[in-house]
Amino acid sequence: MTPLPPPQLVCSPEELRAMLIELRTQPVIAVDTESNSMHAYRERVCLIQFSIPGKDYIVDPLALQDLASLQLLFADTGIEKVFHAAEYDIICLRRDFGCKVSGLFDTMMAARALGWEQVGLGAILREQFSVSVSKRFQRADWGKRPLSSAQLAYAQLDTHYLLQLRERQEVDLRRRGQ
């Protein structure tokens, strides 16, 4: 596997504004979250990952005071949001930041509709892109700082290939008339 360029970490209001300006110009963005549910009584979203062609962002909600500006992005019906297994992420984004997600494409639901045997993201990335994802950080304490470069790389993989996957799935879904 060819190493990916490092993701852009978003930890300041200025970095968040710059990222949102860029994301708002995109017709489709990939999204995922990481929470500390295994390590806290009251879980919270600890990372929000976004990918667009050629760039991956990792937003650190623990470093930012106000993420209300994400509400407009998630509500924008002109921007499709691509998630894998979206339900939990959407619940967490609404609970923690008041975000209502419009324009959703769920790659796990598409995989099910296409009759794929394996619908987990790791299995799909391996099969579709020959990318191996370590399960090592699946239950990590995402609320603990600093994050290691390995954790950031893991988080990046959760969205980096979703746009390409969506394109492949959409072609297959159209071909099957779904």
N, C-alpha and C. Protein backbone atom coordinates (compact mmCIF):
# COMPACT_ATOMS: atom_id res chain seq x y z
N MET A 1 0.84 -1.18 0.00
CA MET A 1 0.00 0.00 0.00
C MET A 1 0.88 1.24 0.00
N THR A 2 0.61 2.16 -0.90
CA THR A 2 1.33 3.42 -0.97
C THR A 2 0.90 4.31 0.18
N PRO A 3 1.85 4.87 0.92
CA PRO A 3 1.46 5.73 2.05
C PRO A 3 0.68 6.96 1.56
N LEU A 4 -0.31 7.34 2.33
CA LEU A 4 -1.10 8.52 1.99
C LEU A 4 -0.39 9.77 2.51
N PRO A 5 -0.61 10.91 1.87
CA PRO A 5 -0.09 12.14 2.47
C PRO A 5 -0.77 12.35 3.82
N PRO A 6 -0.10 12.94 4.77
CA PRO A 6 -0.71 13.10 6.09
C PRO A 6 -1.98 13.96 6.01
N PRO A 7 -2.94 13.66 6.88
CA PRO A 7 -4.16 14.47 6.90
C PRO A 7 -3.86 15.84 7.50
N GLN A 8 -4.71 16.79 7.18
CA GLN A 8 -4.59 18.12 7.77
C GLN A 8 -5.39 18.12 9.06
N LEU A 9 -4.70 18.33 10.18
CA LEU A 9 -5.34 18.39 11.48
C LEU A 9 -5.92 19.79 11.69
N VAL A 10 -7.19 19.85 12.10
CA VAL A 10 -7.90 21.11 12.29
C VAL A 10 -8.13 21.29 13.78
N CYS A 11 -7.39 22.24 14.38
CA CYS A 11 -7.43 22.44 15.83
C CYS A 11 -7.71 23.88 16.23
N SER A 12 -7.84 24.78 15.27
CA SER A 12 -8.07 26.19 15.61
C SER A 12 -9.27 26.71 14.82
N PRO A 13 -9.90 27.78 15.32
CA PRO A 13 -11.03 28.37 14.59
C PRO A 13 -10.64 28.80 13.16
N GLU A 14 -9.42 29.28 12.99
CA GLU A 14 -8.97 29.70 11.66
C GLU A 14 -8.86 28.50 10.72
N GLU A 15 -8.31 27.40 11.23
CA GLU A 15 -8.20 26.18 10.41
C GLU A 15 -9.58 25.63 10.09
N LEU A 16 -10.50 25.71 11.04
CA LEU A 16 -11.87 25.25 10.81
C LEU A 16 -12.54 26.09 9.73
N ARG A 17 -12.41 27.41 9.80
CA ARG A 17 -13.01 28.29 8.78
C ARG A 17 -12.45 27.98 7.40
N ALA A 18 -11.13 27.83 7.31
CA ALA A 18 -10.50 27.54 6.01
C ALA A 18 -10.99 26.19 5.46
N MET A 19 -11.10 25.19 6.31
CA MET A 19 -11.59 23.89 5.87
C MET A 19 -13.03 24.00 5.37
N LEU A 20 -13.87 24.70 6.11
CA LEU A 20 -15.28 24.82 5.72
C LEU A 20 -15.44 25.55 4.40
N ILE A 21 -14.62 26.55 4.16
CA ILE A 21 -14.66 27.25 2.86
C ILE A 21 -14.39 26.26 1.74
N GLU A 22 -13.40 25.40 1.94
CA GLU A 22 -13.06 24.42 0.91
C GLU A 22 -14.14 23.35 0.77
N LEU A 23 -14.63 22.84 1.89
CA LEU A 23 -15.65 21.79 1.83
C LEU A 23 -16.93 22.26 1.17
N ARG A 24 -17.29 23.52 1.39
CA ARG A 24 -18.54 24.06 0.82
C ARG A 24 -18.49 24.18 -0.70
N THR A 25 -17.30 24.07 -1.29
CA THR A 25 -17.20 24.13 -2.76
C THR A 25 -17.33 22.75 -3.39
N GLN A 26 -17.44 21.72 -2.58
CA GLN A 26 -17.45 20.34 -3.08
C GLN A 26 -18.89 19.83 -3.23
N PRO A 27 -19.15 19.05 -4.29
CA PRO A 27 -20.47 18.45 -4.42
C PRO A 27 -20.65 17.23 -3.51
N VAL A 28 -19.53 16.58 -3.15
CA VAL A 28 -19.57 15.37 -2.35
C VAL A 28 -18.40 15.39 -1.37
N ILE A 29 -18.67 15.05 -0.10
CA ILE A 29 -17.62 14.94 0.89
C ILE A 29 -17.80 13.63 1.66
N ALA A 30 -16.71 13.06 2.11
CA ALA A 30 -16.76 11.86 2.95
C ALA A 30 -16.62 12.28 4.41
N VAL A 31 -17.34 11.58 5.30
CA VAL A 31 -17.38 11.96 6.71
C VAL A 31 -17.33 10.71 7.59
N ASP A 32 -16.67 10.83 8.74
CA ASP A 32 -16.70 9.80 9.77
C ASP A 32 -16.42 10.48 11.10
N THR A 33 -16.70 9.77 12.18
CA THR A 33 -16.39 10.29 13.51
C THR A 33 -15.72 9.20 14.33
N GLU A 34 -15.00 9.62 15.34
CA GLU A 34 -14.45 8.71 16.36
C GLU A 34 -14.91 9.24 17.70
N SER A 35 -15.39 8.34 18.55
CA SER A 35 -15.88 8.71 19.88
C SER A 35 -15.12 7.94 20.95
N ASN A 36 -15.31 8.35 22.18
CA ASN A 36 -14.65 7.68 23.31
C ASN A 36 -15.62 6.79 24.08
N SER A 37 -16.55 6.17 23.39
CA SER A 37 -17.63 5.42 24.04
C SER A 37 -17.14 4.27 24.93
N MET A 38 -16.00 3.70 24.64
CA MET A 38 -15.49 2.59 25.44
C MET A 38 -14.74 3.06 26.68
N HIS A 39 -14.54 4.39 26.79
CA HIS A 39 -13.65 4.90 27.84
C HIS A 39 -14.27 6.01 28.68
N ALA A 40 -15.56 6.31 28.45
CA ALA A 40 -16.18 7.39 29.21
C ALA A 40 -17.64 7.06 29.48
N TYR A 41 -18.12 7.48 30.62
CA TYR A 41 -19.53 7.25 30.94
C TYR A 41 -20.42 8.05 30.00
N ARG A 42 -20.08 9.31 29.81
CA ARG A 42 -20.79 10.16 28.86
C ARG A 42 -19.88 10.34 27.64
N GLU A 43 -20.15 9.52 26.66
CA GLU A 43 -19.29 9.58 25.47
C GLU A 43 -19.45 10.89 24.74
N ARG A 44 -18.47 11.20 23.91
CA ARG A 44 -18.53 12.38 23.06
C ARG A 44 -17.71 12.13 21.81
N VAL A 45 -18.03 12.88 20.78
CA VAL A 45 -17.26 12.81 19.54
C VAL A 45 -15.90 13.44 19.80
N CYS A 46 -14.84 12.70 19.49
CA CYS A 46 -13.48 13.17 19.74
C CYS A 46 -12.74 13.52 18.47
N LEU A 47 -13.21 13.04 17.32
CA LEU A 47 -12.64 13.39 16.02
C LEU A 47 -13.76 13.40 14.99
N ILE A 48 -13.64 14.29 14.02
CA ILE A 48 -14.51 14.26 12.85
C ILE A 48 -13.60 14.30 11.63
N GLN A 49 -13.70 13.27 10.80
CA GLN A 49 -12.87 13.19 9.61
C GLN A 49 -13.68 13.58 8.39
N PHE A 50 -13.04 14.34 7.49
CA PHE A 50 -13.62 14.72 6.21
C PHE A 50 -12.61 14.42 5.13
N SER A 51 -13.08 13.93 3.99
CA SER A 51 -12.20 13.77 2.82
C SER A 51 -12.89 14.34 1.60
N ILE A 52 -12.07 14.97 0.77
CA ILE A 52 -12.47 15.45 -0.54
C ILE A 52 -11.37 14.99 -1.49
N PRO A 53 -11.57 15.05 -2.78
CA PRO A 53 -10.50 14.61 -3.67
C PRO A 53 -9.18 15.34 -3.37
N GLY A 54 -8.16 14.57 -3.08
CA GLY A 54 -6.83 15.12 -2.85
C GLY A 54 -6.54 15.65 -1.46
N LYS A 55 -7.51 15.57 -0.54
CA LYS A 55 -7.25 16.12 0.80
C LYS A 55 -8.10 15.43 1.85
N ASP A 56 -7.46 15.16 2.99
CA ASP A 56 -8.13 14.58 4.14
C ASP A 56 -7.95 15.53 5.33
N TYR A 57 -9.04 15.78 6.03
CA TYR A 57 -9.03 16.63 7.22
C TYR A 57 -9.42 15.80 8.43
N ILE A 58 -8.82 16.13 9.57
CA ILE A 58 -9.24 15.56 10.84
C ILE A 58 -9.47 16.73 11.79
N VAL A 59 -10.73 16.90 12.16
CA VAL A 59 -11.13 17.98 13.06
C VAL A 59 -11.07 17.44 14.48
N ASP A 60 -10.44 18.22 15.36
CA ASP A 60 -10.33 17.85 16.77
C ASP A 60 -11.33 18.67 17.59
N PRO A 61 -12.53 18.12 17.85
CA PRO A 61 -13.53 18.85 18.62
C PRO A 61 -13.10 19.17 20.05
N LEU A 62 -12.13 18.42 20.58
CA LEU A 62 -11.68 18.68 21.94
C LEU A 62 -10.79 19.92 22.00
N ALA A 63 -10.24 20.33 20.86
CA ALA A 63 -9.37 21.51 20.80
C ALA A 63 -10.15 22.77 20.41
N LEU A 64 -11.37 22.59 19.94
CA LEU A 64 -12.18 23.71 19.45
C LEU A 64 -13.33 24.00 20.40
N GLN A 65 -13.59 25.27 20.66
CA GLN A 65 -14.67 25.68 21.57
C GLN A 65 -16.04 25.56 20.92
N ASP A 66 -16.13 25.89 19.62
CA ASP A 66 -17.42 26.03 18.97
C ASP A 66 -17.41 25.35 17.60
N LEU A 67 -18.26 24.37 17.44
CA LEU A 67 -18.38 23.69 16.15
C LEU A 67 -19.76 23.90 15.53
N ALA A 68 -20.46 24.95 15.95
CA ALA A 68 -21.78 25.25 15.40
C ALA A 68 -21.71 25.51 13.89
N SER A 69 -20.57 25.97 13.41
CA SER A 69 -20.43 26.24 11.97
C SER A 69 -20.55 24.98 11.13
N LEU A 70 -20.41 23.80 11.74
CA LEU A 70 -20.60 22.56 11.00
C LEU A 70 -22.06 22.30 10.67
N GLN A 71 -22.97 22.91 11.42
CA GLN A 71 -24.40 22.67 11.20
C GLN A 71 -24.83 23.02 9.77
N LEU A 72 -24.37 24.15 9.26
CA LEU A 72 -24.73 24.56 7.90
C LEU A 72 -24.19 23.59 6.86
N LEU A 73 -22.97 23.12 7.07
CA LEU A 73 -22.37 22.16 6.13
C LEU A 73 -23.20 20.88 6.09
N PHE A 74 -23.52 20.32 7.25
CA PHE A 74 -24.26 19.07 7.29
C PHE A 74 -25.70 19.22 6.80
N ALA A 75 -26.29 20.39 6.95
CA ALA A 75 -27.66 20.63 6.52
C ALA A 75 -27.76 20.95 5.02
N ASP A 76 -26.66 21.31 4.40
CA ASP A 76 -26.66 21.72 2.98
C ASP A 76 -27.05 20.54 2.08
N THR A 77 -28.21 20.65 1.44
CA THR A 77 -28.69 19.58 0.57
C THR A 77 -27.94 19.53 -0.76
N GLY A 78 -27.17 20.56 -1.06
CA GLY A 78 -26.38 20.59 -2.30
C GLY A 78 -25.05 19.87 -2.18
N ILE A 79 -24.71 19.43 -0.98
CA ILE A 79 -23.47 18.68 -0.75
C ILE A 79 -23.84 17.30 -0.24
N GLU A 80 -23.46 16.28 -1.00
CA GLU A 80 -23.73 14.91 -0.56
C GLU A 80 -22.68 14.51 0.47
N LYS A 81 -23.16 13.90 1.56
CA LYS A 81 -22.26 13.43 2.61
C LYS A 81 -22.20 11.91 2.53
N VAL A 82 -21.00 11.38 2.38
CA VAL A 82 -20.79 9.94 2.26
C VAL A 82 -20.24 9.42 3.57
N PHE A 83 -20.97 8.49 4.17
CA PHE A 83 -20.56 7.83 5.41
C PHE A 83 -20.52 6.33 5.14
N HIS A 84 -19.85 5.60 6.00
CA HIS A 84 -19.97 4.15 6.03
C HIS A 84 -20.62 3.80 7.37
N ALA A 85 -21.78 3.15 7.32
CA ALA A 85 -22.54 2.84 8.54
C ALA A 85 -22.88 4.14 9.27
N ALA A 86 -23.69 4.96 8.63
CA ALA A 86 -23.92 6.34 9.04
C ALA A 86 -24.71 6.52 10.34
N GLU A 87 -25.55 5.58 10.70
CA GLU A 87 -26.52 5.80 11.77
C GLU A 87 -25.89 6.32 13.07
N TYR A 88 -24.87 5.64 13.56
CA TYR A 88 -24.25 6.03 14.83
C TYR A 88 -23.57 7.40 14.72
N ASP A 89 -22.88 7.63 13.61
CA ASP A 89 -22.22 8.94 13.41
C ASP A 89 -23.24 10.07 13.42
N ILE A 90 -24.37 9.86 12.74
CA ILE A 90 -25.40 10.89 12.66
C ILE A 90 -25.99 11.17 14.05
N ILE A 91 -26.24 10.12 14.80
CA ILE A 91 -26.75 10.30 16.17
C ILE A 91 -25.76 11.12 17.00
N CYS A 92 -24.48 10.78 16.90
CA CYS A 92 -23.46 11.48 17.70
C CYS A 92 -23.28 12.93 17.25
N LEU A 93 -23.30 13.19 15.96
CA LEU A 93 -23.16 14.56 15.45
C LEU A 93 -24.33 15.44 15.90
N ARG A 94 -25.52 14.88 15.92
CA ARG A 94 -26.68 15.64 16.36
C ARG A 94 -26.62 15.89 17.87
N ARG A 95 -26.29 14.84 18.62
CA ARG A 95 -26.23 14.95 20.08
C ARG A 95 -25.18 15.97 20.53
N ASP A 96 -23.98 15.90 19.96
CA ASP A 96 -22.88 16.73 20.44
C ASP A 96 -22.81 18.12 19.82
N PHE A 97 -23.28 18.27 18.56
CA PHE A 97 -23.09 19.55 17.87
C PHE A 97 -24.36 20.10 17.24
N GLY A 98 -25.49 19.42 17.42
CA GLY A 98 -26.74 19.90 16.85
C GLY A 98 -26.82 19.78 15.34
N CYS A 99 -26.01 18.93 14.75
CA CYS A 99 -25.96 18.79 13.29
C CYS A 99 -27.06 17.85 12.80
N LYS A 100 -27.78 18.29 11.79
CA LYS A 100 -28.76 17.45 11.10
C LYS A 100 -28.20 17.19 9.71
N VAL A 101 -28.04 15.93 9.37
CA VAL A 101 -27.38 15.56 8.12
C VAL A 101 -28.40 15.41 7.00
N SER A 102 -28.19 16.15 5.92
CA SER A 102 -29.00 16.06 4.71
C SER A 102 -28.10 15.59 3.57
N GLY A 103 -28.69 14.94 2.57
CA GLY A 103 -27.92 14.52 1.40
C GLY A 103 -26.97 13.38 1.72
N LEU A 104 -27.50 12.28 2.21
CA LEU A 104 -26.68 11.18 2.72
C LEU A 104 -26.53 10.06 1.69
N PHE A 105 -25.31 9.52 1.60
CA PHE A 105 -25.04 8.28 0.88
C PHE A 105 -24.28 7.40 1.85
N ASP A 106 -24.82 6.22 2.15
CA ASP A 106 -24.19 5.30 3.10
C ASP A 106 -23.61 4.13 2.32
N THR A 107 -22.28 4.01 2.33
CA THR A 107 -21.62 2.96 1.55
C THR A 107 -21.91 1.56 2.10
N MET A 108 -22.21 1.44 3.40
CA MET A 108 -22.56 0.13 3.93
C MET A 108 -23.94 -0.29 3.43
N MET A 109 -24.89 0.64 3.40
CA MET A 109 -26.22 0.33 2.89
C MET A 109 -26.15 -0.01 1.40
N ALA A 110 -25.31 0.70 0.67
CA ALA A 110 -25.14 0.41 -0.76
C ALA A 110 -24.54 -0.99 -0.95
N ALA A 111 -23.56 -1.34 -0.11
CA ALA A 111 -22.96 -2.68 -0.20
C ALA A 111 -24.01 -3.75 0.05
N ARG A 112 -24.88 -3.52 1.00
CA ARG A 112 -25.97 -4.48 1.29
C ARG A 112 -26.92 -4.58 0.09
N ALA A 113 -27.28 -3.42 -0.46
CA ALA A 113 -28.20 -3.41 -1.61
C ALA A 113 -27.59 -4.12 -2.82
N LEU A 114 -26.27 -4.06 -2.93
CA LEU A 114 -25.58 -4.73 -4.03
C LEU A 114 -25.33 -6.21 -3.75
N GLY A 115 -25.66 -6.67 -2.55
CA GLY A 115 -25.51 -8.07 -2.21
C GLY A 115 -24.09 -8.49 -1.88
N TRP A 116 -23.26 -7.54 -1.48
CA TRP A 116 -21.88 -7.87 -1.11
C TRP A 116 -21.90 -8.72 0.15
N GLU A 117 -21.05 -9.75 0.16
CA GLU A 117 -20.97 -10.63 1.33
C GLU A 117 -20.41 -9.91 2.54
N GLN A 118 -19.36 -9.15 2.35
CA GLN A 118 -18.71 -8.41 3.43
C GLN A 118 -19.12 -6.94 3.33
N VAL A 119 -19.68 -6.38 4.41
CA VAL A 119 -20.10 -4.98 4.36
C VAL A 119 -19.33 -4.10 5.35
N GLY A 120 -18.42 -4.69 6.12
CA GLY A 120 -17.58 -3.90 7.02
C GLY A 120 -16.57 -3.10 6.21
N LEU A 121 -16.23 -1.92 6.68
CA LEU A 121 -15.33 -1.05 5.92
C LEU A 121 -13.97 -1.70 5.68
N GLY A 122 -13.41 -2.36 6.68
CA GLY A 122 -12.10 -2.99 6.51
C GLY A 122 -12.11 -4.02 5.39
N ALA A 123 -13.13 -4.86 5.37
CA ALA A 123 -13.24 -5.89 4.33
C ALA A 123 -13.44 -5.25 2.96
N ILE A 124 -14.25 -4.20 2.88
CA ILE A 124 -14.49 -3.53 1.61
C ILE A 124 -13.23 -2.86 1.10
N LEU A 125 -12.50 -2.18 1.97
CA LEU A 125 -11.25 -1.51 1.54
C LEU A 125 -10.24 -2.53 1.04
N ARG A 126 -10.18 -3.67 1.70
CA ARG A 126 -9.26 -4.73 1.28
C ARG A 126 -9.65 -5.26 -0.10
N GLU A 127 -10.94 -5.53 -0.29
CA GLU A 127 -11.42 -6.10 -1.54
C GLU A 127 -11.39 -5.10 -2.70
N GLN A 128 -11.82 -3.89 -2.45
CA GLN A 128 -11.96 -2.91 -3.53
C GLN A 128 -10.68 -2.14 -3.85
N PHE A 129 -9.82 -1.91 -2.83
CA PHE A 129 -8.66 -1.05 -3.01
C PHE A 129 -7.34 -1.70 -2.58
N SER A 130 -7.39 -2.95 -2.18
CA SER A 130 -6.20 -3.67 -1.68
C SER A 130 -5.54 -2.92 -0.53
N VAL A 131 -6.35 -2.34 0.33
CA VAL A 131 -5.88 -1.59 1.49
C VAL A 131 -6.19 -2.39 2.74
N SER A 132 -5.18 -2.58 3.57
CA SER A 132 -5.37 -3.31 4.81
C SER A 132 -5.47 -2.31 5.96
N VAL A 133 -6.55 -2.42 6.73
CA VAL A 133 -6.77 -1.53 7.87
C VAL A 133 -6.59 -2.34 9.14
N SER A 134 -5.71 -1.87 10.00
CA SER A 134 -5.51 -2.51 11.29
C SER A 134 -6.69 -2.22 12.19
N LYS A 135 -7.14 -3.21 12.91
CA LYS A 135 -8.25 -3.04 13.88
C LYS A 135 -7.73 -2.51 15.21
N ARG A 136 -6.43 -2.27 15.28
CA ARG A 136 -5.77 -1.89 16.53
C ARG A 136 -6.42 -0.70 17.24
N PHE A 137 -6.90 0.28 16.45
CA PHE A 137 -7.42 1.50 17.07
C PHE A 137 -8.94 1.55 17.09
N GLN A 138 -9.59 0.46 16.74
CA GLN A 138 -11.04 0.44 16.69
C GLN A 138 -11.66 0.79 18.04
N ARG A 139 -11.03 0.36 19.10
CA ARG A 139 -11.55 0.63 20.45
C ARG A 139 -10.62 1.55 21.24
N ALA A 140 -9.87 2.38 20.54
CA ALA A 140 -8.92 3.29 21.19
C ALA A 140 -9.66 4.35 21.99
N ASP A 141 -8.95 4.94 22.92
CA ASP A 141 -9.49 6.07 23.68
C ASP A 141 -9.21 7.33 22.87
N TRP A 142 -10.17 7.69 22.01
CA TRP A 142 -10.00 8.84 21.12
C TRP A 142 -10.05 10.16 21.87
N GLY A 143 -10.43 10.15 23.13
CA GLY A 143 -10.44 11.37 23.92
C GLY A 143 -9.10 11.69 24.55
N LYS A 144 -8.17 10.77 24.49
CA LYS A 144 -6.84 10.96 25.09
C LYS A 144 -5.94 11.72 24.10
N ARG A 145 -5.26 12.72 24.61
CA ARG A 145 -4.34 13.51 23.79
C ARG A 145 -2.96 13.43 24.36
N PRO A 146 -1.90 13.51 23.58
CA PRO A 146 -1.93 13.72 22.12
C PRO A 146 -2.26 12.43 21.39
N LEU A 147 -2.78 12.59 20.17
CA LEU A 147 -3.04 11.45 19.30
C LEU A 147 -1.74 11.07 18.60
N SER A 148 -1.53 9.78 18.45
CA SER A 148 -0.31 9.33 17.76
C SER A 148 -0.49 9.45 16.24
N SER A 149 0.60 9.44 15.53
CA SER A 149 0.52 9.49 14.06
C SER A 149 -0.19 8.24 13.54
N ALA A 150 -0.04 7.11 14.23
CA ALA A 150 -0.73 5.88 13.82
C ALA A 150 -2.25 6.02 14.00
N GLN A 151 -2.68 6.68 15.07
CA GLN A 151 -4.11 6.92 15.27
C GLN A 151 -4.66 7.83 14.17
N LEU A 152 -3.92 8.87 13.85
CA LEU A 152 -4.36 9.80 12.80
C LEU A 152 -4.44 9.09 11.45
N ALA A 153 -3.48 8.22 11.16
CA ALA A 153 -3.49 7.46 9.91
C ALA A 153 -4.69 6.53 9.87
N TYR A 154 -5.00 5.89 10.98
CA TYR A 154 -6.18 5.02 11.07
C TYR A 154 -7.45 5.83 10.80
N ALA A 155 -7.58 6.97 11.45
CA ALA A 155 -8.76 7.81 11.29
C ALA A 155 -8.89 8.29 9.84
N GLN A 156 -7.78 8.61 9.23
CA GLN A 156 -7.77 9.07 7.84
C GLN A 156 -8.32 8.00 6.90
N LEU A 157 -7.97 6.76 7.14
CA LEU A 157 -8.43 5.67 6.27
C LEU A 157 -9.94 5.48 6.31
N ASP A 158 -10.57 5.91 7.40
CA ASP A 158 -12.02 5.76 7.51
C ASP A 158 -12.79 6.60 6.49
N THR A 159 -12.16 7.65 5.96
CA THR A 159 -12.85 8.48 4.95
C THR A 159 -12.11 8.57 3.62
N HIS A 160 -10.82 8.33 3.62
CA HIS A 160 -10.00 8.59 2.42
C HIS A 160 -10.54 7.91 1.16
N TYR A 161 -10.99 6.69 1.25
CA TYR A 161 -11.44 5.93 0.08
C TYR A 161 -12.95 5.96 -0.13
N LEU A 162 -13.69 6.62 0.74
CA LEU A 162 -15.15 6.57 0.64
C LEU A 162 -15.70 7.20 -0.63
N LEU A 163 -15.09 8.26 -1.12
CA LEU A 163 -15.60 8.89 -2.34
C LEU A 163 -15.41 7.99 -3.55
N GLN A 164 -14.27 7.34 -3.64
CA GLN A 164 -14.04 6.39 -4.74
C GLN A 164 -14.98 5.19 -4.61
N LEU A 165 -15.20 4.73 -3.39
CA LEU A 165 -16.10 3.61 -3.15
C LEU A 165 -17.52 3.99 -3.57
N ARG A 166 -17.95 5.17 -3.19
CA ARG A 166 -19.28 5.66 -3.56
C ARG A 166 -19.44 5.66 -5.08
N GLU A 167 -18.44 6.14 -5.80
CA GLU A 167 -18.51 6.17 -7.27
C GLU A 167 -18.70 4.77 -7.83
N ARG A 168 -17.93 3.82 -7.35
CA ARG A 168 -18.05 2.44 -7.82
C ARG A 168 -19.44 1.87 -7.51
N GLN A 169 -19.89 2.12 -6.30
CA GLN A 169 -21.19 1.59 -5.90
C GLN A 169 -22.32 2.23 -6.70
N GLU A 170 -22.22 3.53 -6.92
CA GLU A 170 -23.28 4.21 -7.67
C GLU A 170 -23.39 3.65 -9.10
N VAL A 171 -22.26 3.39 -9.73
CA VAL A 171 -22.27 2.79 -11.07
C VAL A 171 -22.97 1.43 -11.03
N ASP A 172 -22.61 0.61 -10.05
CA ASP A 172 -23.22 -0.72 -9.92
C ASP A 172 -24.72 -0.63 -9.61
N LEU A 173 -25.10 0.31 -8.75
CA LEU A 173 -26.51 0.47 -8.40
C LEU A 173 -27.32 0.91 -9.62
N ARG A 174 -26.79 1.83 -10.40
CA ARG A 174 -27.48 2.28 -11.62
C ARG A 174 -27.60 1.15 -12.63
N ARG A 175 -26.53 0.39 -12.77
CA ARG A 175 -26.52 -0.72 -13.71
C ARG A 175 -27.61 -1.73 -13.35
N ARG A 176 -27.84 -1.90 -12.07
CA ARG A 176 -28.87 -2.85 -11.60
C ARG A 176 -30.24 -2.21 -11.48
N GLY A 177 -30.33 -0.93 -11.81
CA GLY A 177 -31.62 -0.26 -11.75
C GLY A 177 -32.10 0.05 -10.35
N GLN A 178 -31.18 0.18 -9.40
CA GLN A 178 -31.56 0.45 -8.00
C GLN A 178 -31.35 1.90 -7.65
